[in-house]
Amino acid sequence: MVHKSFSLFILVVAMAVMAVAGGKDGKISGVISGAHCGVMGMACAPTHDLRRAELPGVYTKDNKFYVLTNVPQSFLAQWPVKDVTVEGAVYEKDRAIDTKKVSVKEGDKWRVVFEDGSIIDDMGHKEKLATAVEMDGKWYCANCATMHKQGEMK
């Protein structure tokens, strides 16, 4: 509970700073990685657990690390070192993005996983972030989470 409250506090502060600074609509591509690895000039290893006190974001090919200000850390942590494209207001000076859309590459195809404040789960269900459910490190719509709890999904 404390971890989620702290994460929410950090997001609110970051969003307030970004609102004053002004960003430009843009698109950033890279891989999901942790901030510690990013500031060291590299992407995290695929086995790196981004759910443990790490700030996941996007590490680009030109060695820049961007924080996504309005997407929960645990949501991004589902795809360590996966190719990702993020669209939104880019604050280059602060290396932050107020995210509108996140797409993750799975195999040869791109899949939208976040759009306009909603997650899109593995089943393709769109759910507002406020009502989406995180279970075992994955995010689900409320109905899928209920089925998962009842053991109907694997």
N, C-alpha and C. Protein backbone atom coordinates (compact mmCIF):
# COMPACT_ATOMS: atom_id res chain seq x y z
N MET A 1 0.83 -1.19 0.00
CA MET A 1 0.00 0.00 0.00
C MET A 1 0.87 1.25 0.00
N VAL A 2 1.93 1.25 0.84
CA VAL A 2 2.82 2.40 0.92
C VAL A 2 3.52 2.60 -0.43
N HIS A 3 3.93 1.50 -1.06
CA HIS A 3 4.62 1.57 -2.36
C HIS A 3 3.71 2.21 -3.42
N LYS A 4 2.45 1.81 -3.46
CA LYS A 4 1.51 2.38 -4.44
C LYS A 4 1.24 3.86 -4.14
N SER A 5 1.13 4.22 -2.87
CA SER A 5 0.90 5.62 -2.50
C SER A 5 2.10 6.47 -2.88
N PHE A 6 3.31 5.96 -2.65
CA PHE A 6 4.51 6.70 -3.01
C PHE A 6 4.60 6.86 -4.52
N SER A 7 4.29 5.80 -5.27
CA SER A 7 4.31 5.87 -6.73
C SER A 7 3.31 6.91 -7.24
N LEU A 8 2.13 6.94 -6.64
CA LEU A 8 1.11 7.91 -7.03
C LEU A 8 1.59 9.33 -6.73
N PHE A 9 2.22 9.52 -5.58
CA PHE A 9 2.75 10.83 -5.21
C PHE A 9 3.79 11.29 -6.23
N ILE A 10 4.70 10.41 -6.61
CA ILE A 10 5.74 10.74 -7.58
C ILE A 10 5.10 11.12 -8.92
N LEU A 11 4.09 10.36 -9.34
CA LEU A 11 3.42 10.67 -10.61
C LEU A 11 2.75 12.04 -10.57
N VAL A 12 2.10 12.37 -9.47
CA VAL A 12 1.41 13.65 -9.35
C VAL A 12 2.42 14.80 -9.40
N VAL A 13 3.53 14.66 -8.69
CA VAL A 13 4.56 15.69 -8.70
C VAL A 13 5.14 15.84 -10.10
N ALA A 14 5.44 14.73 -10.75
CA ALA A 14 6.00 14.78 -12.10
C ALA A 14 5.04 15.44 -13.07
N MET A 15 3.76 15.10 -12.97
CA MET A 15 2.77 15.70 -13.86
C MET A 15 2.65 17.21 -13.62
N ALA A 16 2.74 17.64 -12.37
CA ALA A 16 2.67 19.07 -12.07
C ALA A 16 3.86 19.81 -12.67
N VAL A 17 5.04 19.23 -12.55
CA VAL A 17 6.23 19.85 -13.12
C VAL A 17 6.10 19.92 -14.64
N MET A 18 5.62 18.84 -15.25
CA MET A 18 5.49 18.79 -16.70
C MET A 18 4.47 19.81 -17.21
N ALA A 19 3.41 20.05 -16.45
CA ALA A 19 2.38 20.98 -16.88
C ALA A 19 2.94 22.40 -16.99
N VAL A 20 3.88 22.74 -16.13
CA VAL A 20 4.49 24.06 -16.15
C VAL A 20 5.51 24.16 -17.29
N ALA A 21 6.25 23.09 -17.54
CA ALA A 21 7.36 23.12 -18.49
C ALA A 21 6.92 23.16 -19.95
N GLY A 22 5.82 22.53 -20.29
CA GLY A 22 5.33 22.50 -21.67
C GLY A 22 6.07 21.47 -22.51
N GLY A 23 5.34 20.57 -23.12
CA GLY A 23 5.94 19.54 -23.96
C GLY A 23 5.41 19.63 -25.37
N LYS A 24 6.07 18.90 -26.26
CA LYS A 24 5.65 18.86 -27.66
C LYS A 24 5.21 17.44 -28.00
N ASP A 25 4.11 17.35 -28.76
CA ASP A 25 3.65 16.03 -29.19
C ASP A 25 4.76 15.34 -29.97
N GLY A 26 4.97 14.09 -29.65
CA GLY A 26 6.03 13.35 -30.31
C GLY A 26 5.91 11.86 -30.08
N LYS A 27 6.91 11.14 -30.54
CA LYS A 27 6.94 9.69 -30.46
C LYS A 27 8.36 9.27 -30.10
N ILE A 28 8.48 8.41 -29.10
CA ILE A 28 9.77 7.90 -28.65
C ILE A 28 9.74 6.38 -28.79
N SER A 29 10.82 5.81 -29.31
CA SER A 29 10.92 4.36 -29.44
C SER A 29 12.16 3.88 -28.71
N GLY A 30 12.07 2.69 -28.14
CA GLY A 30 13.19 2.10 -27.43
C GLY A 30 12.77 0.79 -26.80
N VAL A 31 13.31 0.50 -25.62
CA VAL A 31 12.94 -0.70 -24.87
C VAL A 31 12.55 -0.31 -23.46
N ILE A 32 11.69 -1.11 -22.84
CA ILE A 32 11.34 -0.91 -21.44
C ILE A 32 12.56 -1.30 -20.61
N SER A 33 13.01 -0.39 -19.78
CA SER A 33 14.19 -0.62 -18.96
C SER A 33 14.04 0.13 -17.66
N GLY A 34 14.93 -0.13 -16.74
CA GLY A 34 14.90 0.55 -15.46
C GLY A 34 15.75 1.81 -15.47
N ALA A 35 15.40 2.75 -14.61
CA ALA A 35 16.11 4.03 -14.56
C ALA A 35 17.56 3.84 -14.15
N HIS A 36 17.82 2.96 -13.21
CA HIS A 36 19.21 2.76 -12.76
C HIS A 36 20.08 2.30 -13.93
N CYS A 37 19.60 1.36 -14.71
CA CYS A 37 20.35 0.90 -15.88
C CYS A 37 20.48 2.03 -16.89
N GLY A 38 19.39 2.76 -17.10
CA GLY A 38 19.38 3.84 -18.07
C GLY A 38 20.40 4.92 -17.77
N VAL A 39 20.50 5.33 -16.50
CA VAL A 39 21.48 6.37 -16.16
C VAL A 39 22.91 5.84 -16.23
N MET A 40 23.05 4.53 -16.22
CA MET A 40 24.38 3.92 -16.38
C MET A 40 24.72 3.74 -17.86
N GLY A 41 23.79 4.16 -18.76
CA GLY A 41 24.06 4.14 -20.18
C GLY A 41 23.79 2.80 -20.85
N MET A 42 22.87 2.02 -20.29
CA MET A 42 22.55 0.72 -20.89
C MET A 42 21.11 0.34 -20.56
N ALA A 43 20.60 -0.60 -21.35
CA ALA A 43 19.28 -1.18 -21.05
C ALA A 43 19.49 -2.31 -20.04
N CYS A 44 18.50 -2.55 -19.22
CA CYS A 44 18.57 -3.65 -18.25
C CYS A 44 18.58 -5.00 -18.98
N ALA A 45 19.10 -6.00 -18.31
CA ALA A 45 19.07 -7.37 -18.84
C ALA A 45 17.63 -7.88 -18.79
N PRO A 46 17.28 -8.83 -19.67
CA PRO A 46 15.91 -9.37 -19.68
C PRO A 46 15.49 -9.98 -18.34
N THR A 47 16.43 -10.43 -17.55
CA THR A 47 16.11 -11.05 -16.26
C THR A 47 15.97 -10.04 -15.13
N HIS A 48 16.24 -8.78 -15.40
CA HIS A 48 16.14 -7.73 -14.38
C HIS A 48 14.68 -7.57 -13.96
N ASP A 49 14.43 -7.61 -12.66
CA ASP A 49 13.06 -7.49 -12.14
C ASP A 49 12.71 -6.02 -11.96
N LEU A 50 11.95 -5.48 -12.91
CA LEU A 50 11.58 -4.07 -12.86
C LEU A 50 10.53 -3.75 -11.81
N ARG A 51 9.97 -4.77 -11.19
CA ARG A 51 8.93 -4.53 -10.18
C ARG A 51 9.52 -4.23 -8.81
N ARG A 52 10.81 -4.38 -8.65
CA ARG A 52 11.44 -4.21 -7.34
C ARG A 52 12.16 -2.88 -7.24
N ALA A 53 11.50 -1.88 -6.70
CA ALA A 53 12.09 -0.57 -6.41
C ALA A 53 12.84 0.00 -7.60
N GLU A 54 12.34 -0.22 -8.76
CA GLU A 54 12.96 0.29 -9.99
C GLU A 54 11.93 1.17 -10.68
N LEU A 55 12.38 2.19 -11.36
CA LEU A 55 11.49 3.06 -12.11
C LEU A 55 11.60 2.68 -13.58
N PRO A 56 10.65 1.90 -14.11
CA PRO A 56 10.71 1.55 -15.52
C PRO A 56 10.37 2.75 -16.40
N GLY A 57 10.99 2.77 -17.56
CA GLY A 57 10.73 3.80 -18.54
C GLY A 57 11.20 3.30 -19.89
N VAL A 58 11.48 4.22 -20.79
CA VAL A 58 11.92 3.86 -22.14
C VAL A 58 13.38 4.26 -22.32
N TYR A 59 14.21 3.29 -22.68
CA TYR A 59 15.61 3.53 -22.98
C TYR A 59 15.76 3.48 -24.49
N THR A 60 16.26 4.55 -25.10
CA THR A 60 16.33 4.66 -26.55
C THR A 60 17.68 4.23 -27.09
N LYS A 61 17.74 4.04 -28.41
CA LYS A 61 18.99 3.64 -29.06
C LYS A 61 20.06 4.72 -28.95
N ASP A 62 19.64 5.97 -28.76
CA ASP A 62 20.63 7.03 -28.60
C ASP A 62 20.93 7.30 -27.12
N ASN A 63 20.75 6.26 -26.28
CA ASN A 63 21.14 6.26 -24.87
C ASN A 63 20.43 7.30 -24.01
N LYS A 64 19.16 7.56 -24.30
CA LYS A 64 18.36 8.45 -23.47
C LYS A 64 17.33 7.60 -22.72
N PHE A 65 17.02 8.02 -21.51
CA PHE A 65 16.01 7.33 -20.70
C PHE A 65 14.87 8.30 -20.43
N TYR A 66 13.64 7.88 -20.73
CA TYR A 66 12.44 8.70 -20.54
C TYR A 66 11.52 8.04 -19.52
N VAL A 67 11.00 8.86 -18.61
CA VAL A 67 10.00 8.43 -17.63
C VAL A 67 8.63 8.71 -18.22
N LEU A 68 7.69 7.76 -18.06
CA LEU A 68 6.31 7.96 -18.49
C LEU A 68 5.54 8.47 -17.27
N THR A 69 5.08 9.70 -17.32
CA THR A 69 4.54 10.35 -16.12
C THR A 69 3.17 9.86 -15.69
N ASN A 70 2.38 9.32 -16.59
CA ASN A 70 1.01 8.96 -16.24
C ASN A 70 0.70 7.48 -16.45
N VAL A 71 1.73 6.65 -16.43
CA VAL A 71 1.56 5.21 -16.56
C VAL A 71 2.23 4.56 -15.35
N PRO A 72 1.52 3.70 -14.62
CA PRO A 72 2.11 3.09 -13.43
C PRO A 72 3.37 2.26 -13.74
N GLN A 73 4.31 2.32 -12.83
CA GLN A 73 5.55 1.56 -12.96
C GLN A 73 5.27 0.07 -13.13
N SER A 74 4.35 -0.45 -12.34
CA SER A 74 4.06 -1.89 -12.40
C SER A 74 3.44 -2.29 -13.73
N PHE A 75 2.78 -1.35 -14.40
CA PHE A 75 2.21 -1.65 -15.71
C PHE A 75 3.34 -1.83 -16.73
N LEU A 76 4.29 -0.91 -16.75
CA LEU A 76 5.43 -1.02 -17.67
C LEU A 76 6.31 -2.22 -17.37
N ALA A 77 6.40 -2.58 -16.11
CA ALA A 77 7.28 -3.69 -15.70
C ALA A 77 6.87 -5.04 -16.29
N GLN A 78 5.69 -5.11 -16.90
CA GLN A 78 5.24 -6.36 -17.53
C GLN A 78 6.08 -6.74 -18.75
N TRP A 79 6.77 -5.75 -19.33
CA TRP A 79 7.48 -5.98 -20.59
C TRP A 79 8.95 -5.60 -20.50
N PRO A 80 9.73 -6.24 -19.61
CA PRO A 80 11.14 -5.86 -19.51
C PRO A 80 11.87 -6.10 -20.83
N VAL A 81 12.60 -5.12 -21.27
CA VAL A 81 13.46 -5.13 -22.46
C VAL A 81 12.68 -5.42 -23.74
N LYS A 82 11.39 -5.19 -23.75
CA LYS A 82 10.59 -5.32 -24.97
C LYS A 82 10.66 -4.01 -25.74
N ASP A 83 10.63 -4.12 -27.08
CA ASP A 83 10.56 -2.93 -27.91
C ASP A 83 9.24 -2.23 -27.66
N VAL A 84 9.30 -0.90 -27.58
CA VAL A 84 8.13 -0.11 -27.25
C VAL A 84 8.16 1.21 -28.03
N THR A 85 6.98 1.69 -28.35
CA THR A 85 6.82 3.02 -28.93
C THR A 85 5.82 3.77 -28.06
N VAL A 86 6.17 4.99 -27.68
CA VAL A 86 5.33 5.80 -26.82
C VAL A 86 5.03 7.12 -27.53
N GLU A 87 3.74 7.47 -27.57
CA GLU A 87 3.31 8.72 -28.17
C GLU A 87 2.70 9.59 -27.08
N GLY A 88 2.96 10.89 -27.16
CA GLY A 88 2.41 11.81 -26.19
C GLY A 88 3.17 13.12 -26.18
N ALA A 89 2.99 13.88 -25.11
CA ALA A 89 3.71 15.15 -24.95
C ALA A 89 5.10 14.83 -24.41
N VAL A 90 6.12 15.11 -25.22
CA VAL A 90 7.50 14.80 -24.86
C VAL A 90 8.15 16.05 -24.27
N TYR A 91 8.71 15.89 -23.08
CA TYR A 91 9.42 16.96 -22.39
C TYR A 91 10.90 16.60 -22.46
N GLU A 92 11.53 17.03 -23.54
CA GLU A 92 12.90 16.62 -23.84
C GLU A 92 13.87 17.01 -22.73
N LYS A 93 13.75 18.21 -22.22
CA LYS A 93 14.66 18.67 -21.18
C LYS A 93 14.59 17.79 -19.93
N ASP A 94 13.38 17.35 -19.59
CA ASP A 94 13.19 16.53 -18.39
C ASP A 94 13.21 15.04 -18.67
N ARG A 95 13.29 14.67 -19.95
CA ARG A 95 13.28 13.27 -20.38
C ARG A 95 12.05 12.55 -19.81
N ALA A 96 10.91 13.17 -20.05
CA ALA A 96 9.64 12.64 -19.57
C ALA A 96 8.60 12.72 -20.68
N ILE A 97 7.60 11.84 -20.59
CA ILE A 97 6.52 11.81 -21.58
C ILE A 97 5.19 11.71 -20.84
N ASP A 98 4.29 12.63 -21.16
CA ASP A 98 2.91 12.53 -20.70
C ASP A 98 2.23 11.66 -21.76
N THR A 99 2.03 10.42 -21.45
CA THR A 99 1.71 9.38 -22.42
C THR A 99 0.26 9.39 -22.88
N LYS A 100 0.09 9.28 -24.20
CA LYS A 100 -1.23 9.10 -24.80
C LYS A 100 -1.39 7.66 -25.27
N LYS A 101 -0.30 7.07 -25.77
CA LYS A 101 -0.40 5.72 -26.34
C LYS A 101 0.92 4.98 -26.17
N VAL A 102 0.83 3.70 -25.78
CA VAL A 102 1.99 2.83 -25.66
C VAL A 102 1.73 1.58 -26.49
N SER A 103 2.68 1.25 -27.36
CA SER A 103 2.60 0.03 -28.16
C SER A 103 3.83 -0.81 -27.88
N VAL A 104 3.62 -2.12 -27.69
CA VAL A 104 4.70 -3.06 -27.40
C VAL A 104 4.81 -4.05 -28.55
N LYS A 105 6.04 -4.36 -28.94
CA LYS A 105 6.27 -5.32 -30.01
C LYS A 105 6.30 -6.73 -29.42
N GLU A 106 5.43 -7.57 -29.94
CA GLU A 106 5.36 -8.97 -29.51
C GLU A 106 5.55 -9.83 -30.75
N GLY A 107 6.72 -10.44 -30.88
CA GLY A 107 7.05 -11.16 -32.11
C GLY A 107 7.27 -10.16 -33.22
N ASP A 108 6.54 -10.32 -34.31
CA ASP A 108 6.65 -9.40 -35.44
C ASP A 108 5.56 -8.34 -35.45
N LYS A 109 4.68 -8.37 -34.46
CA LYS A 109 3.53 -7.46 -34.46
C LYS A 109 3.59 -6.48 -33.29
N TRP A 110 3.03 -5.30 -33.54
CA TRP A 110 2.90 -4.29 -32.49
C TRP A 110 1.50 -4.36 -31.90
N ARG A 111 1.41 -4.22 -30.58
CA ARG A 111 0.13 -4.25 -29.90
C ARG A 111 0.01 -3.03 -29.00
N VAL A 112 -1.10 -2.30 -29.13
CA VAL A 112 -1.37 -1.16 -28.26
C VAL A 112 -1.76 -1.71 -26.89
N VAL A 113 -1.07 -1.25 -25.83
CA VAL A 113 -1.35 -1.73 -24.48
C VAL A 113 -1.87 -0.63 -23.56
N PHE A 114 -1.75 0.63 -24.01
CA PHE A 114 -2.24 1.77 -23.23
C PHE A 114 -2.65 2.85 -24.21
N GLU A 115 -3.85 3.42 -23.98
CA GLU A 115 -4.31 4.48 -24.87
C GLU A 115 -5.28 5.38 -24.13
N ASP A 116 -4.99 6.67 -24.13
CA ASP A 116 -5.87 7.68 -23.55
C ASP A 116 -6.36 7.34 -22.14
N GLY A 117 -5.44 6.93 -21.27
CA GLY A 117 -5.79 6.66 -19.88
C GLY A 117 -6.37 5.29 -19.61
N SER A 118 -6.36 4.40 -20.61
CA SER A 118 -6.89 3.05 -20.43
C SER A 118 -5.83 2.02 -20.79
N ILE A 119 -5.85 0.90 -20.08
CA ILE A 119 -4.99 -0.22 -20.43
C ILE A 119 -5.76 -1.08 -21.43
N ILE A 120 -5.04 -1.85 -22.20
CA ILE A 120 -5.66 -2.83 -23.09
C ILE A 120 -5.00 -4.15 -22.75
N ASP A 121 -5.76 -5.06 -22.12
CA ASP A 121 -5.16 -6.30 -21.62
C ASP A 121 -4.90 -7.30 -22.74
N ASP A 122 -4.34 -8.46 -22.36
CA ASP A 122 -3.97 -9.50 -23.33
C ASP A 122 -5.16 -9.99 -24.15
N MET A 123 -6.36 -9.87 -23.61
CA MET A 123 -7.55 -10.32 -24.32
C MET A 123 -8.12 -9.23 -25.23
N GLY A 124 -7.50 -8.05 -25.21
CA GLY A 124 -7.96 -6.94 -26.04
C GLY A 124 -9.02 -6.08 -25.38
N HIS A 125 -9.27 -6.30 -24.08
CA HIS A 125 -10.27 -5.52 -23.36
C HIS A 125 -9.67 -4.20 -22.90
N LYS A 126 -10.37 -3.11 -23.15
CA LYS A 126 -9.92 -1.78 -22.76
C LYS A 126 -10.56 -1.43 -21.42
N GLU A 127 -9.75 -0.96 -20.49
CA GLU A 127 -10.24 -0.66 -19.14
C GLU A 127 -9.55 0.61 -18.65
N LYS A 128 -10.32 1.54 -18.09
CA LYS A 128 -9.72 2.74 -17.51
C LYS A 128 -8.69 2.34 -16.46
N LEU A 129 -7.63 3.07 -16.40
CA LEU A 129 -6.56 2.78 -15.46
C LEU A 129 -7.08 2.72 -14.03
N ALA A 130 -8.03 3.58 -13.70
CA ALA A 130 -8.58 3.64 -12.34
C ALA A 130 -9.31 2.36 -11.94
N THR A 131 -9.83 1.59 -12.90
CA THR A 131 -10.57 0.38 -12.56
C THR A 131 -9.87 -0.90 -13.01
N ALA A 132 -8.73 -0.75 -13.69
CA ALA A 132 -7.95 -1.93 -14.08
C ALA A 132 -7.36 -2.57 -12.82
N VAL A 133 -7.04 -3.86 -12.93
CA VAL A 133 -6.58 -4.62 -11.77
C VAL A 133 -5.21 -5.23 -12.07
N GLU A 134 -4.28 -5.06 -11.12
CA GLU A 134 -2.98 -5.70 -11.23
C GLU A 134 -2.98 -6.96 -10.38
N MET A 135 -2.60 -8.07 -11.01
CA MET A 135 -2.50 -9.34 -10.29
C MET A 135 -1.25 -10.07 -10.77
N ASP A 136 -0.44 -10.49 -9.84
CA ASP A 136 0.76 -11.26 -10.16
C ASP A 136 1.62 -10.58 -11.22
N GLY A 137 1.72 -9.26 -11.16
CA GLY A 137 2.58 -8.52 -12.07
C GLY A 137 1.98 -8.25 -13.44
N LYS A 138 0.72 -8.61 -13.68
CA LYS A 138 0.05 -8.33 -14.95
C LYS A 138 -1.19 -7.50 -14.69
N TRP A 139 -1.57 -6.72 -15.67
CA TRP A 139 -2.75 -5.87 -15.56
C TRP A 139 -3.88 -6.43 -16.40
N TYR A 140 -5.11 -6.39 -15.84
CA TYR A 140 -6.29 -6.95 -16.47
C TYR A 140 -7.47 -5.98 -16.38
N CYS A 141 -8.44 -6.17 -17.26
CA CYS A 141 -9.72 -5.48 -17.07
C CYS A 141 -10.37 -6.13 -15.85
N ALA A 142 -11.36 -5.48 -15.28
CA ALA A 142 -12.00 -5.97 -14.05
C ALA A 142 -12.61 -7.36 -14.24
N ASN A 143 -13.25 -7.61 -15.39
CA ASN A 143 -13.88 -8.91 -15.62
C ASN A 143 -12.85 -10.03 -15.74
N CYS A 144 -11.78 -9.78 -16.47
CA CYS A 144 -10.73 -10.80 -16.61
C CYS A 144 -10.06 -11.07 -15.27
N ALA A 145 -9.89 -10.01 -14.46
CA ALA A 145 -9.28 -10.19 -13.14
C ALA A 145 -10.16 -11.08 -12.26
N THR A 146 -11.47 -10.88 -12.34
CA THR A 146 -12.41 -11.72 -11.58
C THR A 146 -12.30 -13.18 -12.02
N MET A 147 -12.27 -13.40 -13.33
CA MET A 147 -12.14 -14.77 -13.84
C MET A 147 -10.81 -15.38 -13.43
N HIS A 148 -9.76 -14.57 -13.46
CA HIS A 148 -8.44 -15.05 -13.08
C HIS A 148 -8.44 -15.48 -11.60
N LYS A 149 -9.07 -14.67 -10.77
CA LYS A 149 -9.16 -15.00 -9.34
C LYS A 149 -9.91 -16.29 -9.12
N GLN A 150 -10.93 -16.55 -9.96
CA GLN A 150 -11.73 -17.76 -9.82
C GLN A 150 -11.07 -18.96 -10.49
N GLY A 151 -9.88 -18.74 -11.09
CA GLY A 151 -9.15 -19.85 -11.71
C GLY A 151 -9.63 -20.23 -13.11
N GLU A 152 -10.41 -19.36 -13.73
CA GLU A 152 -10.94 -19.67 -15.06
C GLU A 152 -9.98 -19.29 -16.18
N MET A 153 -8.96 -18.49 -15.88
CA MET A 153 -7.98 -18.08 -16.89
C MET A 153 -6.60 -18.59 -16.51
N LYS A 154 -5.80 -18.88 -17.50
CA LYS A 154 -4.43 -19.29 -17.24
C LYS A 154 -3.51 -18.54 -18.13
